[in-house]
Amino acid sequence: MNIKNLLIILFLSIVSKGISQENSYDIYNTLLSEYIAFEKQFVGGKIKDKSVYSLKEDLGIASYIRQDSSVPNLDLIVRYVFSKKDSLIKEIRYELDFANFEKKIEPKQNKNIRKALANYYLTVEKDLISKLGKSKIEGELTDKTVIDEENDYYKNNAWIIGNTRIDLLIKMSNFIRKEKPIYPNHKVTITYKTIEKIETEYIGRKKPYELIEKKSLPRKFTNKSRIPLISKCKNNHTEACLQNSISDLILSEANKINLTLKSDTLKIGVRINKNGSTSIMDNETKNSELKKVVTDVLSSMELIEPAYIKSLKRYETVSYSWYILIKNNEITNRFKN
C-alpha cells in the first residue's frame, strides 16, 4: 500500500455525520464499528498481540495488520481502543514499529532503513500540516537532516481538533545499554486520542527485555513448499488439507460452545503471514455467533509454517479464501485431496 492510499485511512473523516471541515478528524463519539468496516478493504486482518494490553478494565483493544511497502520489512499495525460498554472509540493508533515484528529485542537498523522511516514521517507531516495547519512541535527533523546509523532522532507534532488530540511521532535510536536497560527503537506513530478531563494512557506495552526470557528463540521453519504447513497436514501436505484443517478448527470450536448450525454458509479469508501468524481477510455469514467463533479461532491459531518461494529463497505471505457449508453441525463441502 503506497503513502497516498495510507493517508486516506489515517485521516478518515466521518462524512455521514455532516461535521465541519475543522472537526473532520475528531474521533469523539464515533463507534468502533465505523472503523472496523473500513478495515475489510485492506490486505491483513485482525491479530492477537500479547505484547499490548489495556491499562483500564473498562476499555478493550482491537489490533489489525495491513500490508505496507513504505518501509522495507515493516507492515502497518492499527490499534483501536474502545469502551467495552458502548463501543465508543477512545484512541486510534497507527504504528510502523519494528518492535511489533521482532521475536526478541529489536536489533540496530541500517542507514537505508532509517532514511525510509524518516522520509515516511516527513511525507505524513507535510500532508497533515496542509490539512490541519501548524502544529506544536518537539524535537527536530527536516528534509535537510542528515540521517546516519549513530545518532538518535526524535520529533513530535501535535494538533488539537475539537475533542481530539492528534500526535505524529518519530523515534529512531540504535543506542544499547543493557544494564539500564536501553535497546534500539525505531518507529513512526500517528495517534488520535479523545481529550479526557484527566489525561491518561490507555495502551500498555510489555517491554522487549521483559518478554525476552519468556519467548523462545526465533522459530526456524522447515517448510520448503509454496503451501503453508499446518501440523495436521505433515503427512498430507496439500492446499486441500490446509483449508479442511482450518475449517475443522472452526467447527470444533462451534461444537465446544454448543452452537447449533442447522444450515449455514460461511465465507472466510485467511492471510498466512511470513512469520507464521494468521490474519483475517474475510468473515462473512448471517450467523453472528458463528462469525464470532471464526474471529476467535483465526485470531488465536498457533503458528503455521509459512509458504516458501523457492525462486526467491525466502518465506512469503500468502492468502486463501473459500466457502464452508455447514448442515446439522457437519461440513458438507470438504476439499478433496
C-alpha atoms as a PDB file:
ATOM      1  CA  MET A   1       0.000   0.000   0.000  1.00  0.00           C
ATOM      2  CA  ASN A   2       1.501   3.361  -1.006  1.00  0.00           C
ATOM      3  CA  ILE A   3       1.614   6.546   1.062  1.00  0.00           C
ATOM      4  CA  LYS A   4      -1.331   8.128  -0.776  1.00  0.00           C
ATOM      5  CA  ASN A   5      -3.649   5.232  -0.013  1.00  0.00           C
ATOM      6  CA  LEU A   6      -2.415   5.072   3.570  1.00  0.00           C
ATOM      7  CA  LEU A   7      -3.288   8.700   4.180  1.00  0.00           C
ATOM      8  CA  ILE A   8      -6.886   8.091   3.142  1.00  0.00           C
ATOM      9  CA  ILE A   9      -7.464   5.945   6.224  1.00  0.00           C
ATOM     10  CA  LEU A  10      -5.080   7.803   8.526  1.00  0.00           C
ATOM     11  CA  PHE A  11      -7.158  10.939   8.140  1.00  0.00           C
ATOM     12  CA  LEU A  12     -10.552   9.320   7.696  1.00  0.00           C
ATOM     13  CA  SER A  13     -13.424  11.754   8.193  1.00  0.00           C
ATOM     14  CA  ILE A  14     -16.882  10.602   9.265  1.00  0.00           C
ATOM     15  CA  VAL A  15     -18.715  12.172   6.345  1.00  0.00           C
ATOM     16  CA  SER A  16     -22.086  10.700   7.332  1.00  0.00           C
ATOM     17  CA  LYS A  17     -22.154  12.908  10.424  1.00  0.00           C
ATOM     18  CA  GLY A  18     -22.105  16.093   8.328  1.00  0.00           C
ATOM     19  CA  ILE A  19     -19.448  17.650  10.537  1.00  0.00           C
ATOM     20  CA  SER A  20     -17.388  20.690   9.623  1.00  0.00           C
ATOM     21  CA  GLN A  21     -14.026  20.563   7.863  1.00  0.00           C
ATOM     22  CA  GLU A  22     -12.279  21.627  11.068  1.00  0.00           C
ATOM     23  CA  ASN A  23     -13.737  18.718  13.022  1.00  0.00           C
ATOM     24  CA  SER A  24     -13.453  16.045  10.308  1.00  0.00           C
ATOM     25  CA  TYR A  25     -10.586  14.458  12.255  1.00  0.00           C
ATOM     26  CA  ASP A  26     -12.390  14.460  15.599  1.00  0.00           C
ATOM     27  CA  ILE A  27     -12.993  10.841  16.733  1.00  0.00           C
ATOM     28  CA  TYR A  28     -15.095  11.857  19.749  1.00  0.00           C
ATOM     29  CA  ASN A  29     -18.432   9.974  19.869  1.00  0.00           C
ATOM     30  CA  THR A  30     -17.538   7.629  16.997  1.00  0.00           C
ATOM     31  CA  LEU A  31     -18.107   3.875  17.199  1.00  0.00           C
ATOM     32  CA  LEU A  32     -15.670   1.026  16.725  1.00  0.00           C
ATOM     33  CA  SER A  33     -17.909  -0.443  14.011  1.00  0.00           C
ATOM     34  CA  GLU A  34     -17.390   2.625  11.808  1.00  0.00           C
ATOM     35  CA  TYR A  35     -13.695   1.825  11.530  1.00  0.00           C
ATOM     36  CA  ILE A  36     -13.791  -1.969  11.587  1.00  0.00           C
ATOM     37  CA  ALA A  37     -15.967  -1.959   8.471  1.00  0.00           C
ATOM     38  CA  PHE A  38     -13.244   0.082   6.751  1.00  0.00           C
ATOM     39  CA  GLU A  39     -10.534  -2.459   7.652  1.00  0.00           C
ATOM     40  CA  LYS A  40     -12.031  -5.041   5.279  1.00  0.00           C
ATOM     41  CA  GLN A  41     -10.649  -3.273   2.215  1.00  0.00           C
ATOM     42  CA  PHE A  42      -7.041  -3.804   3.303  1.00  0.00           C
ATOM     43  CA  VAL A  43      -4.851  -6.884   2.952  1.00  0.00           C
ATOM     44  CA  GLY A  44      -4.415  -8.067   6.514  1.00  0.00           C
ATOM     45  CA  GLY A  45      -6.956  -8.547   9.255  1.00  0.00           C
ATOM     46  CA  LYS A  46      -7.430  -8.741  12.987  1.00  0.00           C
ATOM     47  CA  ILE A  47      -4.489 -10.003  15.049  1.00  0.00           C
ATOM     48  CA  LYS A  48      -3.971 -11.090  18.630  1.00  0.00           C
ATOM     49  CA  ASP A  49      -0.996  -9.212  20.082  1.00  0.00           C
ATOM     50  CA  LYS A  50       0.005 -10.336  23.576  1.00  0.00           C
ATOM     51  CA  SER A  51       2.625  -7.587  23.869  1.00  0.00           C
ATOM     52  CA  VAL A  52      -0.037  -4.875  24.344  1.00  0.00           C
ATOM     53  CA  TYR A  53      -2.780  -4.615  26.944  1.00  0.00           C
ATOM     54  CA  SER A  54      -5.390  -2.142  28.169  1.00  0.00           C
ATOM     55  CA  LEU A  55      -4.473  -0.025  31.183  1.00  0.00           C
ATOM     56  CA  LYS A  56      -8.149   0.345  32.130  1.00  0.00           C
ATOM     57  CA  GLU A  57     -10.516  -2.557  32.831  1.00  0.00           C
ATOM     58  CA  ASP A  58     -13.454  -0.917  31.058  1.00  0.00           C
ATOM     59  CA  LEU A  59     -11.544  -0.487  27.780  1.00  0.00           C
ATOM     60  CA  GLY A  60     -10.677  -3.030  25.102  1.00  0.00           C
ATOM     61  CA  ILE A  61      -8.078  -3.054  22.324  1.00  0.00           C
ATOM     62  CA  ALA A  62      -8.640  -4.364  18.793  1.00  0.00           C
ATOM     63  CA  SER A  63      -5.483  -4.657  16.671  1.00  0.00           C
ATOM     64  CA  TYR A  64      -5.261  -5.019  12.894  1.00  0.00           C
ATOM     65  CA  ILE A  65      -2.392  -5.506  10.459  1.00  0.00           C
ATOM     66  CA  ARG A  66      -2.162  -4.013   6.975  1.00  0.00           C
ATOM     67  CA  GLN A  67       0.396  -4.996   4.381  1.00  0.00           C
ATOM     68  CA  ASP A  68       2.580  -1.983   3.609  1.00  0.00           C
ATOM     69  CA  SER A  69       5.675  -1.362   1.491  1.00  0.00           C
ATOM     70  CA  SER A  70       6.538   2.190   2.555  1.00  0.00           C
ATOM     71  CA  VAL A  71       9.394   0.968   4.771  1.00  0.00           C
ATOM     72  CA  PRO A  72      11.181  -2.338   3.932  1.00  0.00           C
ATOM     73  CA  ASN A  73      10.189  -5.342   6.078  1.00  0.00           C
ATOM     74  CA  LEU A  74       7.603  -3.346   8.014  1.00  0.00           C
ATOM     75  CA  ASP A  75       3.801  -3.554   7.949  1.00  0.00           C
ATOM     76  CA  LEU A  76       1.306  -1.149   9.492  1.00  0.00           C
ATOM     77  CA  ILE A  77      -0.417  -2.043  12.774  1.00  0.00           C
ATOM     78  CA  VAL A  78      -3.648  -0.224  13.686  1.00  0.00           C
ATOM     79  CA  ARG A  79      -4.915  -0.322  17.278  1.00  0.00           C
ATOM     80  CA  TYR A  80      -8.414   0.743  18.293  1.00  0.00           C
ATOM     81  CA  VAL A  81      -9.057   1.469  21.977  1.00  0.00           C
ATOM     82  CA  PHE A  82     -12.768   1.396  22.755  1.00  0.00           C
ATOM     83  CA  SER A  83     -15.221   1.390  25.632  1.00  0.00           C
ATOM     84  CA  LYS A  84     -16.473  -2.127  26.339  1.00  0.00           C
ATOM     85  CA  LYS A  85     -19.813  -0.708  27.471  1.00  0.00           C
ATOM     86  CA  ASP A  86     -20.850   1.229  24.354  1.00  0.00           C
ATOM     87  CA  SER A  87     -18.009   0.624  21.808  1.00  0.00           C
ATOM     88  CA  LEU A  88     -17.156   4.327  21.655  1.00  0.00           C
ATOM     89  CA  ILE A  89     -13.637   4.991  20.370  1.00  0.00           C
ATOM     90  CA  LYS A  90     -11.127   6.432  22.827  1.00  0.00           C
ATOM     91  CA  GLU A  91      -7.956   6.173  20.762  1.00  0.00           C
ATOM     92  CA  ILE A  92      -6.750   5.090  17.333  1.00  0.00           C
ATOM     93  CA  ARG A  93      -3.052   4.426  16.934  1.00  0.00           C
ATOM     94  CA  TYR A  94      -1.280   3.694  13.642  1.00  0.00           C
ATOM     95  CA  GLU A  95       2.133   2.101  14.177  1.00  0.00           C
ATOM     96  CA  LEU A  96       5.088   1.494  11.899  1.00  0.00           C
ATOM     97  CA  ASP A  97       7.210  -0.024  14.642  1.00  0.00           C
ATOM     98  CA  PHE A  98       9.931  -2.648  14.245  1.00  0.00           C
ATOM     99  CA  ALA A  99       9.241  -3.801  17.809  1.00  0.00           C
ATOM    100  CA  ASN A 100       5.901  -5.211  16.587  1.00  0.00           C
ATOM    101  CA  PHE A 101       7.687  -7.739  14.381  1.00  0.00           C
ATOM    102  CA  GLU A 102      10.633  -8.826  16.497  1.00  0.00           C
ATOM    103  CA  LYS A 103      10.693 -12.121  18.378  1.00  0.00           C
ATOM    104  CA  LYS A 104      13.377 -10.713  20.617  1.00  0.00           C
ATOM    105  CA  ILE A 105      14.869  -7.304  21.407  1.00  0.00           C
ATOM    106  CA  GLU A 106      14.848  -5.040  18.362  1.00  0.00           C
ATOM    107  CA  PRO A 107      18.215  -5.029  16.543  1.00  0.00           C
ATOM    108  CA  LYS A 108      20.022  -1.994  15.189  1.00  0.00           C
ATOM    109  CA  GLN A 109      18.753  -0.646  11.873  1.00  0.00           C
ATOM    110  CA  ASN A 110      20.957   0.419   8.974  1.00  0.00           C
ATOM    111  CA  LYS A 111      21.063   3.852   7.347  1.00  0.00           C
ATOM    112  CA  ASN A 112      18.756   2.946   4.454  1.00  0.00           C
ATOM    113  CA  ILE A 113      16.022   1.711   6.782  1.00  0.00           C
ATOM    114  CA  ARG A 114      16.331   4.821   8.931  1.00  0.00           C
ATOM    115  CA  LYS A 115      16.148   7.081   5.870  1.00  0.00           C
ATOM    116  CA  ALA A 116      12.999   5.289   4.682  1.00  0.00           C
ATOM    117  CA  LEU A 117      11.355   5.748   8.089  1.00  0.00           C
ATOM    118  CA  ALA A 118      12.328   9.435   8.196  1.00  0.00           C
ATOM    119  CA  ASN A 119      11.008  10.036   4.661  1.00  0.00           C
ATOM    120  CA  TYR A 120       7.754   8.328   5.622  1.00  0.00           C
ATOM    121  CA  TYR A 121       7.398  10.642   8.617  1.00  0.00           C
ATOM    122  CA  LEU A 122       8.141  13.784   6.601  1.00  0.00           C
ATOM    123  CA  THR A 123       5.600  12.836   3.929  1.00  0.00           C
ATOM    124  CA  VAL A 124       2.848  12.350   6.513  1.00  0.00           C
ATOM    125  CA  GLU A 125       3.880  15.530   8.349  1.00  0.00           C
ATOM    126  CA  LYS A 126       3.615  17.605   5.159  1.00  0.00           C
ATOM    127  CA  ASP A 127       0.171  16.227   4.391  1.00  0.00           C
ATOM    128  CA  LEU A 128      -1.130  16.786   7.922  1.00  0.00           C
ATOM    129  CA  ILE A 129       0.127  20.371   8.028  1.00  0.00           C
ATOM    130  CA  SER A 130      -1.617  21.078   4.711  1.00  0.00           C
ATOM    131  CA  LYS A 131      -4.892  19.820   6.203  1.00  0.00           C
ATOM    132  CA  LEU A 132      -4.664  20.864   9.860  1.00  0.00           C
ATOM    133  CA  GLY A 133      -2.309  23.839   9.816  1.00  0.00           C
ATOM    134  CA  LYS A 134       0.680  24.451  12.063  1.00  0.00           C
ATOM    135  CA  SER A 135       1.358  22.072  14.939  1.00  0.00           C
ATOM    136  CA  LYS A 136       3.032  22.237  18.305  1.00  0.00           C
ATOM    137  CA  ILE A 137       6.479  20.716  17.742  1.00  0.00           C
ATOM    138  CA  GLU A 138       9.007  18.975  19.972  1.00  0.00           C
ATOM    139  CA  GLY A 139      12.338  17.806  18.568  1.00  0.00           C
ATOM    140  CA  GLU A 140      13.728  18.415  15.100  1.00  0.00           C
ATOM    141  CA  LEU A 141      13.681  16.534  11.807  1.00  0.00           C
ATOM    142  CA  THR A 142      13.515  18.062   8.319  1.00  0.00           C
ATOM    143  CA  ASP A 143      14.317  17.006   4.770  1.00  0.00           C
ATOM    144  CA  LYS A 144      17.754  18.569   5.316  1.00  0.00           C
ATOM    145  CA  THR A 145      18.545  16.417   8.371  1.00  0.00           C
ATOM    146  CA  VAL A 146      21.452  14.059   7.739  1.00  0.00           C
ATOM    147  CA  ILE A 147      20.440  10.507   8.667  1.00  0.00           C
ATOM    148  CA  ASP A 148      23.185   8.133   9.781  1.00  0.00           C
ATOM    149  CA  GLU A 149      23.455   4.960  11.877  1.00  0.00           C
ATOM    150  CA  GLU A 150      24.836   6.543  15.047  1.00  0.00           C
ATOM    151  CA  ASN A 151      22.638   9.499  16.022  1.00  0.00           C
ATOM    152  CA  ASP A 152      19.218   9.475  17.719  1.00  0.00           C
ATOM    153  CA  TYR A 153      16.269  11.206  16.062  1.00  0.00           C
ATOM    154  CA  TYR A 154      13.053  12.424  17.664  1.00  0.00           C
ATOM    155  CA  LYS A 155      10.192  14.690  16.645  1.00  0.00           C
ATOM    156  CA  ASN A 156       6.550  15.052  17.681  1.00  0.00           C
ATOM    157  CA  ASN A 157       3.829  17.161  16.058  1.00  0.00           C
ATOM    158  CA  ALA A 158       0.612  17.775  17.997  1.00  0.00           C
ATOM    159  CA  TRP A 159      -2.752  19.221  16.956  1.00  0.00           C
ATOM    160  CA  ILE A 160      -5.993  19.747  18.886  1.00  0.00           C
ATOM    161  CA  ILE A 161      -9.073  19.281  16.683  1.00  0.00           C
ATOM    162  CA  GLY A 162     -12.391  19.528  18.521  1.00  0.00           C
ATOM    163  CA  ASN A 163     -12.286  16.901  21.293  1.00  0.00           C
ATOM    164  CA  THR A 164      -9.350  15.002  19.784  1.00  0.00           C
ATOM    165  CA  ARG A 165      -5.588  15.357  20.095  1.00  0.00           C
ATOM    166  CA  ILE A 166      -3.572  14.156  17.101  1.00  0.00           C
ATOM    167  CA  ASP A 167       0.110  13.267  17.539  1.00  0.00           C
ATOM    168  CA  LEU A 168       2.602  12.390  14.821  1.00  0.00           C
ATOM    169  CA  LEU A 169       5.758  10.898  16.335  1.00  0.00           C
ATOM    170  CA  ILE A 170       9.072   9.521  15.114  1.00  0.00           C
ATOM    171  CA  LYS A 171      11.731   7.876  17.293  1.00  0.00           C
ATOM    172  CA  MET A 172      14.937   6.338  15.965  1.00  0.00           C
ATOM    173  CA  SER A 173      17.753   5.111  18.172  1.00  0.00           C
ATOM    174  CA  ASN A 174      20.473   2.474  17.755  1.00  0.00           C
ATOM    175  CA  PHE A 175      21.741   3.011  21.303  1.00  0.00           C
ATOM    176  CA  ILE A 176      22.270  -0.043  23.539  1.00  0.00           C
ATOM    177  CA  ARG A 177      22.928  -0.103  27.276  1.00  0.00           C
ATOM    178  CA  LYS A 178      21.838  -3.462  28.698  1.00  0.00           C
ATOM    179  CA  GLU A 179      22.302  -2.541  32.354  1.00  0.00           C
ATOM    180  CA  LYS A 180      19.647   0.248  32.155  1.00  0.00           C
ATOM    181  CA  PRO A 181      18.162  -1.467  30.048  1.00  0.00           C
ATOM    182  CA  ILE A 182      18.087   0.557  26.797  1.00  0.00           C
ATOM    183  CA  TYR A 183      17.763  -1.033  23.370  1.00  0.00           C
ATOM    184  CA  PRO A 184      17.298   0.155  19.752  1.00  0.00           C
ATOM    185  CA  ASN A 185      13.950   1.747  18.954  1.00  0.00           C
ATOM    186  CA  HIS A 186      12.602   2.678  15.510  1.00  0.00           C
ATOM    187  CA  LYS A 187       9.009   3.741  14.934  1.00  0.00           C
ATOM    188  CA  VAL A 188       6.557   6.233  13.483  1.00  0.00           C
ATOM    189  CA  THR A 189       3.122   6.514  15.100  1.00  0.00           C
ATOM    190  CA  ILE A 190       0.035   8.596  14.359  1.00  0.00           C
ATOM    191  CA  THR A 191      -2.336   8.754  17.328  1.00  0.00           C
ATOM    192  CA  TYR A 192      -5.889  10.080  17.520  1.00  0.00           C
ATOM    193  CA  LYS A 193      -6.991  10.361  21.146  1.00  0.00           C
ATOM    194  CA  THR A 194     -10.106  11.788  22.762  1.00  0.00           C
ATOM    195  CA  ILE A 195      -9.390  14.541  25.265  1.00  0.00           C
ATOM    196  CA  GLU A 196     -10.438  13.490  28.767  1.00  0.00           C
ATOM    197  CA  LYS A 197     -10.719  15.578  31.930  1.00  0.00           C
ATOM    198  CA  ILE A 198      -7.884  13.568  33.438  1.00  0.00           C
ATOM    199  CA  GLU A 199      -5.161  12.818  30.909  1.00  0.00           C
ATOM    200  CA  THR A 200      -4.246   9.141  30.965  1.00  0.00           C
ATOM    201  CA  GLU A 201      -2.642   6.460  28.828  1.00  0.00           C
ATOM    202  CA  TYR A 202      -4.806   3.633  27.539  1.00  0.00           C
ATOM    203  CA  ILE A 203      -2.350   1.191  25.966  1.00  0.00           C
ATOM    204  CA  GLY A 204       0.358  -0.627  27.892  1.00  0.00           C
ATOM    205  CA  ARG A 205       3.162  -2.487  26.176  1.00  0.00           C
ATOM    206  CA  LYS A 206       5.358  -5.177  27.641  1.00  0.00           C
ATOM    207  CA  LYS A 207       8.982  -4.190  27.144  1.00  0.00           C
ATOM    208  CA  PRO A 208      11.153  -6.430  24.958  1.00  0.00           C
ATOM    209  CA  TYR A 209      13.525  -7.082  27.851  1.00  0.00           C
ATOM    210  CA  GLU A 210      10.532  -8.188  29.948  1.00  0.00           C
ATOM    211  CA  LEU A 211       9.421 -10.630  27.271  1.00  0.00           C
ATOM    212  CA  ILE A 212      12.726 -11.982  26.059  1.00  0.00           C
ATOM    213  CA  GLU A 213      13.094 -14.609  28.781  1.00  0.00           C
ATOM    214  CA  LYS A 214       9.545 -15.799  28.192  1.00  0.00           C
ATOM    215  CA  LYS A 215       9.928 -16.101  24.438  1.00  0.00           C
ATOM    216  CA  SER A 216      11.768 -18.836  22.653  1.00  0.00           C
ATOM    217  CA  LEU A 217      14.426 -18.124  20.065  1.00  0.00           C
ATOM    218  CA  PRO A 218      13.142 -17.095  16.640  1.00  0.00           C
ATOM    219  CA  ARG A 219      11.388 -20.051  15.103  1.00  0.00           C
ATOM    220  CA  LYS A 220      13.238 -21.903  12.373  1.00  0.00           C
ATOM    221  CA  PHE A 221      10.858 -23.147   9.713  1.00  0.00           C
ATOM    222  CA  THR A 222      11.416 -26.386   7.843  1.00  0.00           C
ATOM    223  CA  ASN A 223       8.716 -25.985   5.197  1.00  0.00           C
ATOM    224  CA  LYS A 224      10.136 -25.696   1.678  1.00  0.00           C
ATOM    225  CA  SER A 225       6.835 -25.679  -0.188  1.00  0.00           C
ATOM    226  CA  ARG A 226       4.696 -22.830  -1.544  1.00  0.00           C
ATOM    227  CA  ILE A 227       1.871 -24.329   0.537  1.00  0.00           C
ATOM    228  CA  PRO A 228       1.905 -23.282   4.224  1.00  0.00           C
ATOM    229  CA  LEU A 229       2.305 -26.230   6.580  1.00  0.00           C
ATOM    230  CA  ILE A 230      -0.084 -26.890   9.473  1.00  0.00           C
ATOM    231  CA  SER A 231       0.814 -29.687  11.888  1.00  0.00           C
ATOM    232  CA  LYS A 232      -2.178 -31.863  10.937  1.00  0.00           C
ATOM    233  CA  CYS A 233      -1.014 -31.928   7.303  1.00  0.00           C
ATOM    234  CA  LYS A 234       2.575 -33.107   7.722  1.00  0.00           C
ATOM    235  CA  ASN A 235       1.701 -36.400   6.045  1.00  0.00           C
ATOM    236  CA  ASN A 236      -0.691 -34.820   3.540  1.00  0.00           C
ATOM    237  CA  HIS A 237       0.874 -31.519   2.542  1.00  0.00           C
ATOM    238  CA  THR A 238      -1.801 -30.086   0.225  1.00  0.00           C
ATOM    239  CA  GLU A 239      -3.883 -26.924  -0.005  1.00  0.00           C
ATOM    240  CA  ALA A 240      -6.984 -29.060   0.481  1.00  0.00           C
ATOM    241  CA  CYS A 241      -5.659 -30.405   3.792  1.00  0.00           C
ATOM    242  CA  LEU A 242      -4.713 -26.913   4.944  1.00  0.00           C
ATOM    243  CA  GLN A 243      -8.159 -25.480   4.210  1.00  0.00           C
ATOM    244  CA  ASN A 244     -10.014 -28.505   5.597  1.00  0.00           C
ATOM    245  CA  SER A 245      -7.962 -28.345   8.811  1.00  0.00           C
ATOM    246  CA  ILE A 246      -8.818 -24.692   9.380  1.00  0.00           C
ATOM    247  CA  SER A 247     -12.490 -25.408   8.627  1.00  0.00           C
ATOM    248  CA  ASP A 248     -12.389 -28.266  11.168  1.00  0.00           C
ATOM    249  CA  LEU A 249     -10.940 -25.952  13.824  1.00  0.00           C
ATOM    250  CA  ILE A 250     -13.840 -23.540  13.327  1.00  0.00           C
ATOM    251  CA  LEU A 251     -16.454 -26.294  13.527  1.00  0.00           C
ATOM    252  CA  SER A 252     -14.764 -27.850  16.549  1.00  0.00           C
ATOM    253  CA  GLU A 253     -14.859 -24.535  18.424  1.00  0.00           C
ATOM    254  CA  ALA A 254     -18.528 -24.068  17.497  1.00  0.00           C
ATOM    255  CA  ASN A 255     -19.303 -27.527  18.882  1.00  0.00           C
ATOM    256  CA  LYS A 256     -17.430 -26.762  22.101  1.00  0.00           C
ATOM    257  CA  ILE A 257     -19.810 -23.912  22.879  1.00  0.00           C
ATOM    258  CA  ASN A 258     -22.834 -25.991  21.778  1.00  0.00           C
ATOM    259  CA  LEU A 259     -23.606 -23.723  18.849  1.00  0.00           C
ATOM    260  CA  THR A 260     -26.374 -25.230  16.706  1.00  0.00           C
ATOM    261  CA  LEU A 261     -25.649 -24.877  12.978  1.00  0.00           C
ATOM    262  CA  LYS A 262     -28.625 -26.211  11.022  1.00  0.00           C
ATOM    263  CA  SER A 263     -27.841 -24.621   7.660  1.00  0.00           C
ATOM    264  CA  ASP A 264     -25.079 -22.012   7.475  1.00  0.00           C
ATOM    265  CA  THR A 265     -22.875 -20.628   4.717  1.00  0.00           C
ATOM    266  CA  LEU A 266     -19.591 -19.109   5.750  1.00  0.00           C
ATOM    267  CA  LYS A 267     -17.015 -17.323   3.615  1.00  0.00           C
ATOM    268  CA  ILE A 268     -13.587 -16.982   5.185  1.00  0.00           C
ATOM    269  CA  GLY A 269     -10.328 -15.499   4.024  1.00  0.00           C
ATOM    270  CA  VAL A 270      -7.074 -16.242   5.822  1.00  0.00           C
ATOM    271  CA  ARG A 271      -3.775 -14.472   5.430  1.00  0.00           C
ATOM    272  CA  ILE A 272      -0.807 -16.619   6.498  1.00  0.00           C
ATOM    273  CA  ASN A 273       1.997 -14.188   7.197  1.00  0.00           C
ATOM    274  CA  LYS A 274       5.658 -14.799   6.504  1.00  0.00           C
ATOM    275  CA  ASN A 275       6.319 -15.087  10.263  1.00  0.00           C
ATOM    276  CA  GLY A 276       3.742 -17.892  10.615  1.00  0.00           C
ATOM    277  CA  SER A 277       0.982 -15.816  12.224  1.00  0.00           C
ATOM    278  CA  THR A 278      -2.503 -15.566  10.723  1.00  0.00           C
ATOM    279  CA  SER A 279      -4.785 -12.632   9.917  1.00  0.00           C
ATOM    280  CA  ILE A 280      -8.459 -12.497   8.969  1.00  0.00           C
ATOM    281  CA  MET A 281      -9.332 -11.208   5.491  1.00  0.00           C
ATOM    282  CA  ASP A 282     -12.955 -12.348   5.146  1.00  0.00           C
ATOM    283  CA  ASN A 283     -15.503 -13.496   7.708  1.00  0.00           C
ATOM    284  CA  GLU A 284     -18.950 -13.383   6.130  1.00  0.00           C
ATOM    285  CA  THR A 285     -22.016 -15.189   7.474  1.00  0.00           C
ATOM    286  CA  LYS A 286     -25.545 -14.283   8.531  1.00  0.00           C
ATOM    287  CA  ASN A 287     -24.951 -16.120  11.823  1.00  0.00           C
ATOM    288  CA  SER A 288     -23.431 -13.591  14.245  1.00  0.00           C
ATOM    289  CA  GLU A 289     -22.439 -16.292  16.743  1.00  0.00           C
ATOM    290  CA  LEU A 290     -20.589 -18.249  14.046  1.00  0.00           C
ATOM    291  CA  LYS A 291     -18.889 -15.048  12.944  1.00  0.00           C
ATOM    292  CA  LYS A 292     -17.536 -14.569  16.479  1.00  0.00           C
ATOM    293  CA  VAL A 293     -16.278 -18.173  16.537  1.00  0.00           C
ATOM    294  CA  VAL A 294     -14.339 -17.566  13.312  1.00  0.00           C
ATOM    295  CA  THR A 295     -12.783 -14.404  14.753  1.00  0.00           C
ATOM    296  CA  ASP A 296     -11.739 -16.212  17.936  1.00  0.00           C
ATOM    297  CA  VAL A 297     -10.261 -19.212  16.076  1.00  0.00           C
ATOM    298  CA  LEU A 298      -8.354 -17.342  13.375  1.00  0.00           C
ATOM    299  CA  SER A 299      -7.040 -14.714  15.796  1.00  0.00           C
ATOM    300  CA  SER A 300      -5.597 -17.290  18.198  1.00  0.00           C
ATOM    301  CA  MET A 301      -4.287 -20.030  15.912  1.00  0.00           C
ATOM    302  CA  GLU A 302      -0.887 -21.461  16.682  1.00  0.00           C
ATOM    303  CA  LEU A 303       1.895 -20.621  14.269  1.00  0.00           C
ATOM    304  CA  ILE A 304       1.669 -22.171  10.827  1.00  0.00           C
ATOM    305  CA  GLU A 305       4.853 -22.689   8.846  1.00  0.00           C
ATOM    306  CA  PRO A 306       4.596 -20.054   6.082  1.00  0.00           C
ATOM    307  CA  ALA A 307       4.839 -20.537   2.328  1.00  0.00           C
ATOM    308  CA  TYR A 308       8.334 -20.861   0.919  1.00  0.00           C
ATOM    309  CA  ILE A 309       9.039 -19.383  -2.516  1.00  0.00           C
ATOM    310  CA  LYS A 310      11.939 -21.360  -3.958  1.00  0.00           C
ATOM    311  CA  SER A 311      12.684 -18.877  -6.742  1.00  0.00           C
ATOM    312  CA  LEU A 312      13.150 -16.116  -4.150  1.00  0.00           C
ATOM    313  CA  LYS A 313      14.665 -18.387  -1.490  1.00  0.00           C
ATOM    314  CA  ARG A 314      12.546 -16.893   1.268  1.00  0.00           C
ATOM    315  CA  TYR A 315       9.263 -17.186   3.167  1.00  0.00           C
ATOM    316  CA  GLU A 316       6.376 -15.066   1.916  1.00  0.00           C
ATOM    317  CA  THR A 317       2.851 -14.083   2.919  1.00  0.00           C
ATOM    318  CA  VAL A 318       0.018 -15.855   1.080  1.00  0.00           C
ATOM    319  CA  SER A 319      -3.765 -15.716   1.278  1.00  0.00           C
ATOM    320  CA  TYR A 320      -6.592 -18.234   0.894  1.00  0.00           C
ATOM    321  CA  SER A 321     -10.343 -17.686   0.607  1.00  0.00           C
ATOM    322  CA  TRP A 322     -13.099 -20.302   0.497  1.00  0.00           C
ATOM    323  CA  TYR A 323     -16.693 -21.140   1.463  1.00  0.00           C
ATOM    324  CA  ILE A 324     -17.703 -23.525   4.238  1.00  0.00           C
ATOM    325  CA  LEU A 325     -21.171 -25.073   4.018  1.00  0.00           C
ATOM    326  CA  ILE A 326     -22.495 -26.480   7.290  1.00  0.00           C
ATOM    327  CA  LYS A 327     -25.645 -28.556   7.794  1.00  0.00           C
ATOM    328  CA  ASN A 328     -26.605 -30.024  11.148  1.00  0.00           C
ATOM    329  CA  ASN A 329     -23.148 -29.221  12.508  1.00  0.00           C
ATOM    330  CA  GLU A 330     -21.301 -31.038   9.736  1.00  0.00           C
ATOM    331  CA  ILE A 331     -19.241 -29.613   6.879  1.00  0.00           C
ATOM    332  CA  THR A 332     -20.751 -30.698   3.569  1.00  0.00           C
ATOM    333  CA  ASN A 333     -18.233 -29.319   1.069  1.00  0.00           C
ATOM    334  CA  ARG A 334     -14.838 -30.550   2.197  1.00  0.00           C
ATOM    335  CA  PHE A 335     -11.998 -30.226  -0.318  1.00  0.00           C
ATOM    336  CA  LYS A 336     -10.748 -33.424  -1.930  1.00  0.00           C
ATOM    337  CA  ASN A 337      -7.038 -34.176  -1.536  1.00  0.00           C
END
